[in-house]
C-alpha atoms as a PDB file:
ATOM      1  CA  MET A   1       0.000   0.000   0.000  1.00  0.00           C
ATOM      2  CA  MET A   2       1.444   3.371  -1.023  1.00  0.00           C
ATOM      3  CA  THR A   3       1.769   6.129   1.512  1.00  0.00           C
ATOM      4  CA  ALA A   4       0.579   9.667   0.794  1.00  0.00           C
ATOM      5  CA  ALA A   5       4.193  10.775   0.286  1.00  0.00           C
ATOM      6  CA  GLU A   6       4.805   7.984  -2.239  1.00  0.00           C
ATOM      7  CA  LYS A   7       1.777   9.076  -4.266  1.00  0.00           C
ATOM      8  CA  LEU A   8       3.176  12.597  -4.607  1.00  0.00           C
ATOM      9  CA  LYS A   9       5.194  13.469  -7.677  1.00  0.00           C
ATOM     10  CA  HIS A  10       8.918  13.905  -7.092  1.00  0.00           C
ATOM     11  CA  VAL A  11      10.031  17.414  -8.103  1.00  0.00           C
ATOM     12  CA  ALA A  12      13.565  18.619  -8.855  1.00  0.00           C
ATOM     13  CA  VAL A  13      14.875  21.666  -6.944  1.00  0.00           C
ATOM     14  CA  ASP A  14      15.108  23.812 -10.095  1.00  0.00           C
ATOM     15  CA  ASP A  15      11.533  22.937 -11.058  1.00  0.00           C
ATOM     16  CA  TYR A  16      10.304  23.780  -7.564  1.00  0.00           C
ATOM     17  CA  LEU A  17      12.044  27.165  -7.599  1.00  0.00           C
ATOM     18  CA  ALA A  18      10.701  27.946 -11.062  1.00  0.00           C
ATOM     19  CA  GLY A  19       7.175  27.015  -9.973  1.00  0.00           C
ATOM     20  CA  GLU A  20       7.361  29.137  -6.807  1.00  0.00           C
ATOM     21  CA  ALA A  21       8.345  32.191  -8.854  1.00  0.00           C
ATOM     22  CA  THR A  22       4.881  32.252 -10.447  1.00  0.00           C
ATOM     23  CA  ALA A  23       2.753  30.395  -7.868  1.00  0.00           C
ATOM     24  CA  ARG A  24      -0.173  32.195  -6.213  1.00  0.00           C
ATOM     25  CA  ALA A  25       0.332  30.263  -2.967  1.00  0.00           C
ATOM     26  CA  LYS A  26       3.539  29.353  -1.159  1.00  0.00           C
ATOM     27  CA  HIS A  27       4.837  25.782  -1.007  1.00  0.00           C
ATOM     28  CA  GLU A  28       7.528  24.179   1.107  1.00  0.00           C
ATOM     29  CA  TYR A  29       9.893  21.596  -0.341  1.00  0.00           C
ATOM     30  CA  LEU A  30      11.084  18.503   1.498  1.00  0.00           C
ATOM     31  CA  GLY A  31      13.523  16.292  -0.353  1.00  0.00           C
ATOM     32  CA  GLY A  32      11.717  16.379  -3.679  1.00  0.00           C
ATOM     33  CA  TYR A  33       8.131  16.654  -2.439  1.00  0.00           C
ATOM     34  CA  VAL A  34       6.148  19.895  -2.475  1.00  0.00           C
ATOM     35  CA  TYR A  35       3.578  20.816   0.164  1.00  0.00           C
ATOM     36  CA  ALA A  36       1.164  23.775   0.060  1.00  0.00           C
ATOM     37  CA  MET A  37       1.260  26.087   3.050  1.00  0.00           C
ATOM     38  CA  ALA A  38      -1.857  27.076   4.951  1.00  0.00           C
ATOM     39  CA  GLY A  39      -2.551  30.753   5.573  1.00  0.00           C
ATOM     40  CA  GLY A  40      -2.016  32.175   9.055  1.00  0.00           C
ATOM     41  CA  SER A  41      -4.638  33.776  11.320  1.00  0.00           C
ATOM     42  CA  ASN A  42      -4.794  37.518  11.884  1.00  0.00           C
ATOM     43  CA  SER A  43      -3.028  37.080  15.233  1.00  0.00           C
ATOM     44  CA  HIS A  44      -0.316  34.977  13.621  1.00  0.00           C
ATOM     45  CA  ASN A  45       0.269  37.562  10.902  1.00  0.00           C
ATOM     46  CA  ARG A  46       0.287  40.483  13.327  1.00  0.00           C
ATOM     47  CA  ILE A  47       2.859  38.802  15.559  1.00  0.00           C
ATOM     48  CA  SER A  48       5.149  37.966  12.648  1.00  0.00           C
ATOM     49  CA  THR A  49       4.792  41.494  11.212  1.00  0.00           C
ATOM     50  CA  ASN A  50       5.423  43.058  14.637  1.00  0.00           C
ATOM     51  CA  THR A  51       8.552  40.952  15.020  1.00  0.00           C
ATOM     52  CA  THR A  52       9.859  41.908  11.578  1.00  0.00           C
ATOM     53  CA  ILE A  53       9.278  45.606  12.299  1.00  0.00           C
ATOM     54  CA  ALA A  54      10.843  45.424  15.784  1.00  0.00           C
ATOM     55  CA  LEU A  55      13.968  43.737  14.473  1.00  0.00           C
ATOM     56  CA  GLY A  56      14.118  45.968  11.407  1.00  0.00           C
ATOM     57  CA  SER A  57      14.034  49.143  13.511  1.00  0.00           C
ATOM     58  CA  ARG A  58      16.963  47.895  15.590  1.00  0.00           C
ATOM     59  CA  LEU A  59      18.999  46.622  12.646  1.00  0.00           C
ATOM     60  CA  LYS A  60      18.523  49.659  10.415  1.00  0.00           C
ATOM     61  CA  GLY A  61      21.760  50.381   8.596  1.00  0.00           C
ATOM     62  CA  GLN A  62      23.403  47.218   9.972  1.00  0.00           C
ATOM     63  CA  LEU A  63      24.856  44.255   8.115  1.00  0.00           C
ATOM     64  CA  CYS A  64      22.279  41.851   9.574  1.00  0.00           C
ATOM     65  CA  GLN A  65      18.772  42.334   8.154  1.00  0.00           C
ATOM     66  CA  PRO A  66      15.360  40.757   8.834  1.00  0.00           C
ATOM     67  CA  TYR A  67      13.301  39.030   6.159  1.00  0.00           C
ATOM     68  CA  ASN A  68       9.569  38.321   6.298  1.00  0.00           C
ATOM     69  CA  SER A  69       7.688  35.120   5.488  1.00  0.00           C
ATOM     70  CA  ASP A  70       8.028  35.623   1.727  1.00  0.00           C
ATOM     71  CA  THR A  71      11.714  34.653   1.962  1.00  0.00           C
ATOM     72  CA  LYS A  72      12.597  30.983   1.582  1.00  0.00           C
ATOM     73  CA  LEU A  73      15.415  29.314   3.515  1.00  0.00           C
ATOM     74  CA  ARG A  74      17.340  26.472   1.926  1.00  0.00           C
ATOM     75  CA  VAL A  75      18.351  23.721   4.357  1.00  0.00           C
ATOM     76  CA  GLN A  76      20.887  21.300   2.944  1.00  0.00           C
ATOM     77  CA  LEU A  77      20.740  18.073   4.934  1.00  0.00           C
ATOM     78  CA  PRO A  78      23.105  15.127   4.348  1.00  0.00           C
ATOM     79  CA  THR A  79      20.489  13.159   2.379  1.00  0.00           C
ATOM     80  CA  HIS A  80      18.303  15.845   0.793  1.00  0.00           C
ATOM     81  CA  THR A  81      17.437  19.528   0.448  1.00  0.00           C
ATOM     82  CA  ARG A  82      14.525  21.387   2.002  1.00  0.00           C
ATOM     83  CA  PHE A  83      13.039  24.848   1.491  1.00  0.00           C
ATOM     84  CA  TYR A  84      10.988  26.467   4.241  1.00  0.00           C
ATOM     85  CA  TYR A  85       9.284  29.855   4.614  1.00  0.00           C
ATOM     86  CA  PRO A  86       9.896  30.870   8.251  1.00  0.00           C
ATOM     87  CA  ASP A  87       7.752  33.672   9.651  1.00  0.00           C
ATOM     88  CA  VAL A  88      10.839  35.840  10.216  1.00  0.00           C
ATOM     89  CA  SER A  89      14.545  35.323   9.638  1.00  0.00           C
ATOM     90  CA  VAL A  90      17.623  37.478  10.176  1.00  0.00           C
ATOM     91  CA  VAL A  91      20.515  37.081   7.744  1.00  0.00           C
ATOM     92  CA  CYS A  92      23.964  38.632   8.136  1.00  0.00           C
ATOM     93  CA  GLU A  93      25.597  37.134   5.029  1.00  0.00           C
ATOM     94  CA  SER A  94      23.020  37.372   2.270  1.00  0.00           C
ATOM     95  CA  ASN A  95      22.773  35.266  -0.862  1.00  0.00           C
ATOM     96  CA  PRO A  96      23.134  37.076  -4.222  1.00  0.00           C
ATOM     97  CA  PRO A  97      20.183  39.420  -4.905  1.00  0.00           C
ATOM     98  CA  ASP A  98      19.035  37.439  -7.950  1.00  0.00           C
ATOM     99  CA  GLU A  99      18.483  34.269  -5.888  1.00  0.00           C
ATOM    100  CA  ALA A 100      15.063  33.489  -4.409  1.00  0.00           C
ATOM    101  CA  PHE A 101      16.261  32.062  -1.090  1.00  0.00           C
ATOM    102  CA  GLN A 102      18.740  32.474   1.740  1.00  0.00           C
ATOM    103  CA  ASP A 103      21.239  29.933   3.072  1.00  0.00           C
ATOM    104  CA  GLN A 104      22.756  31.488   6.201  1.00  0.00           C
ATOM    105  CA  PRO A 105      20.161  32.692   8.709  1.00  0.00           C
ATOM    106  CA  VAL A 106      21.448  33.731  12.127  1.00  0.00           C
ATOM    107  CA  VAL A 107      18.005  33.998  13.759  1.00  0.00           C
ATOM    108  CA  ILE A 108      14.783  32.205  12.765  1.00  0.00           C
ATOM    109  CA  VAL A 109      11.340  32.953  14.200  1.00  0.00           C
ATOM    110  CA  GLU A 110       8.265  30.748  13.886  1.00  0.00           C
ATOM    111  CA  VAL A 111       4.879  31.765  15.326  1.00  0.00           C
ATOM    112  CA  LEU A 112       3.184  28.690  16.768  1.00  0.00           C
ATOM    113  CA  SER A 113      -0.394  27.686  16.034  1.00  0.00           C
ATOM    114  CA  ARG A 114      -2.438  24.586  16.713  1.00  0.00           C
ATOM    115  CA  ASP A 115      -1.884  23.362  13.161  1.00  0.00           C
ATOM    116  CA  THR A 116       1.853  24.115  12.911  1.00  0.00           C
ATOM    117  CA  ARG A 117       3.080  23.542  16.475  1.00  0.00           C
ATOM    118  CA  ARG A 118       4.091  19.904  16.037  1.00  0.00           C
ATOM    119  CA  ILE A 119       6.078  20.569  12.849  1.00  0.00           C
ATOM    120  CA  ASP A 120       7.671  23.770  14.199  1.00  0.00           C
ATOM    121  CA  GLU A 121       8.765  22.005  17.396  1.00  0.00           C
ATOM    122  CA  THR A 122      10.047  18.816  15.735  1.00  0.00           C
ATOM    123  CA  GLU A 123      10.689  18.592  11.975  1.00  0.00           C
ATOM    124  CA  LYS A 124      11.541  22.252  11.393  1.00  0.00           C
ATOM    125  CA  LYS A 125      13.463  22.555  14.647  1.00  0.00           C
ATOM    126  CA  GLU A 126      15.668  19.600  13.732  1.00  0.00           C
ATOM    127  CA  ALA A 127      16.297  21.014  10.247  1.00  0.00           C
ATOM    128  CA  TYR A 128      16.900  24.594  11.384  1.00  0.00           C
ATOM    129  CA  LEU A 129      19.307  23.633  14.172  1.00  0.00           C
ATOM    130  CA  SER A 130      21.433  21.798  11.591  1.00  0.00           C
ATOM    131  CA  ILE A 131      22.184  25.085   9.779  1.00  0.00           C
ATOM    132  CA  PRO A 132      25.772  26.063  10.689  1.00  0.00           C
ATOM    133  CA  SER A 133      25.080  29.814  10.729  1.00  0.00           C
ATOM    134  CA  LEU A 134      22.021  29.615  13.016  1.00  0.00           C
ATOM    135  CA  LYS A 135      22.490  31.096  16.495  1.00  0.00           C
ATOM    136  CA  ALA A 136      18.886  31.302  17.788  1.00  0.00           C
ATOM    137  CA  TYR A 137      15.531  29.717  16.940  1.00  0.00           C
ATOM    138  CA  LEU A 138      12.538  31.496  18.460  1.00  0.00           C
ATOM    139  CA  LEU A 139       9.145  29.810  18.916  1.00  0.00           C
ATOM    140  CA  VAL A 140       6.497  32.432  19.613  1.00  0.00           C
ATOM    141  CA  GLU A 141       3.191  31.542  21.277  1.00  0.00           C
ATOM    142  CA  GLN A 142      -0.069  33.089  20.037  1.00  0.00           C
ATOM    143  CA  ALA A 143      -2.330  32.440  23.017  1.00  0.00           C
ATOM    144  CA  LEU A 144      -0.070  34.080  25.632  1.00  0.00           C
ATOM    145  CA  ALA A 145       3.009  36.288  25.819  1.00  0.00           C
ATOM    146  CA  GLU A 146       5.702  33.629  25.805  1.00  0.00           C
ATOM    147  CA  VAL A 147       8.661  32.840  23.577  1.00  0.00           C
ATOM    148  CA  THR A 148      10.965  29.821  23.735  1.00  0.00           C
ATOM    149  CA  VAL A 149      14.471  30.483  22.438  1.00  0.00           C
ATOM    150  CA  HIS A 150      16.760  27.658  21.352  1.00  0.00           C
ATOM    151  CA  ARG A 151      20.176  29.328  21.515  1.00  0.00           C
ATOM    152  CA  ARG A 152      23.477  27.910  20.302  1.00  0.00           C
ATOM    153  CA  SER A 153      26.215  27.508  22.909  1.00  0.00           C
ATOM    154  CA  GLN A 154      29.552  25.709  22.951  1.00  0.00           C
ATOM    155  CA  GLN A 155      27.714  22.620  24.244  1.00  0.00           C
ATOM    156  CA  GLY A 156      24.987  22.753  21.581  1.00  0.00           C
ATOM    157  CA  PHE A 157      21.570  24.390  21.703  1.00  0.00           C
ATOM    158  CA  ALA A 158      20.016  25.285  25.059  1.00  0.00           C
ATOM    159  CA  SER A 159      16.408  26.376  25.657  1.00  0.00           C
ATOM    160  CA  GLU A 160      15.336  29.598  27.361  1.00  0.00           C
ATOM    161  CA  VAL A 161      11.776  30.789  28.031  1.00  0.00           C
ATOM    162  CA  TYR A 162      10.735  34.450  28.164  1.00  0.00           C
ATOM    163  CA  SER A 163       7.255  35.075  29.604  1.00  0.00           C
ATOM    164  CA  GLY A 164       5.114  38.140  30.178  1.00  0.00           C
ATOM    165  CA  MET A 165       4.734  41.454  28.404  1.00  0.00           C
ATOM    166  CA  ASN A 166       7.600  42.967  30.407  1.00  0.00           C
ATOM    167  CA  ALA A 167      10.115  40.394  29.177  1.00  0.00           C
ATOM    168  CA  THR A 168      12.804  41.262  26.639  1.00  0.00           C
ATOM    169  CA  ILE A 169      14.730  38.681  24.625  1.00  0.00           C
ATOM    170  CA  PRO A 170      18.436  39.498  24.344  1.00  0.00           C
ATOM    171  CA  LEU A 171      19.870  38.772  20.902  1.00  0.00           C
ATOM    172  CA  PRO A 172      23.584  39.573  21.228  1.00  0.00           C
ATOM    173  CA  GLU A 173      24.165  37.419  18.153  1.00  0.00           C
ATOM    174  CA  ILE A 174      22.795  40.304  16.051  1.00  0.00           C
ATOM    175  CA  GLN A 175      23.466  43.094  18.574  1.00  0.00           C
ATOM    176  CA  ALA A 176      19.776  43.609  19.244  1.00  0.00           C
ATOM    177  CA  GLU A 177      16.990  42.809  21.671  1.00  0.00           C
ATOM    178  CA  LEU A 178      13.332  41.945  21.192  1.00  0.00           C
ATOM    179  CA  PRO A 179      10.777  43.260  23.724  1.00  0.00           C
ATOM    180  CA  LEU A 180       7.644  41.146  23.996  1.00  0.00           C
ATOM    181  CA  THR A 181       5.585  44.345  24.249  1.00  0.00           C
ATOM    182  CA  GLU A 182       6.502  44.982  20.612  1.00  0.00           C
ATOM    183  CA  VAL A 183       6.088  41.368  19.493  1.00  0.00           C
ATOM    184  CA  TYR A 184       2.533  41.265  20.885  1.00  0.00           C
ATOM    185  CA  ALA A 185       1.500  44.885  20.222  1.00  0.00           C
ATOM    186  CA  GLY A 186      -2.205  44.965  19.320  1.00  0.00           C
ATOM    187  CA  VAL A 187      -2.650  41.204  19.789  1.00  0.00           C
ATOM    188  CA  LYS A 188      -5.774  39.913  21.535  1.00  0.00           C
ATOM    189  CA  PHE A 189      -4.957  36.594  23.148  1.00  0.00           C
ATOM    190  CA  VAL A 190      -7.348  33.762  22.341  1.00  0.00           C
ATOM    191  CA  PRO A 191      -6.871  30.378  24.060  1.00  0.00           C
ATOM    192  CA  GLU A 192      -5.602  27.733  21.658  1.00  0.00           C
ATOM    193  CA  GLN A 193      -8.254  25.087  20.980  1.00  0.00           C
ATOM    194  CA  THR A 194      -7.372  21.454  21.465  1.00  0.00           C
ATOM    195  CA  ASP A 195      -8.296  18.690  19.025  1.00  0.00           C
ATOM    196  CA  ASP A 196     -10.977  17.503  21.469  1.00  0.00           C
ATOM    197  CA  GLU A 197     -12.612  20.943  21.532  1.00  0.00           C
ATOM    198  CA  LEU A 198     -12.774  21.033  17.730  1.00  0.00           C
ATOM    199  CA  THR A 199     -14.585  17.684  17.390  1.00  0.00           C
END
């Protein structure tokens, strides 16, 4: 019996990139298979936009620059290549301007939702933390003011949690900081529904 992945058509990297250049919706690419991305909620989009603006204001005129969710990241794993669209990324050594993706993010931000949480905390986390340039991976909650930071140290990645609107995330890796008051500006917190509540 074929799995869902086996039924999908295998796509070459060049064909994927060419298709994304004209596609109306965004797709992520995992080792030859292409998956459509679901749209985010208003809260999700506000948080990601707030984060991009907050980082952009602090990095104005600096080498490191933030990119929004329209920018793909290429992750080159030992056995295959992936392309993801993180909600926010900060890049200090940019790819050539004619390329449609980045390879060397220093900071990656994903805004968690009920539908993306499992992938953001497992599959994407594993892939992102394999990127040599990455220094910090931020997982931002929607239902409360809380951000988990996976930060690179000499011993590997260690987790830190910043909670409450008065918290500020230090990002010495890009000579900046990220106040949660700016991340969550204008956001109305709505409790995240469980699978049981939706059935």
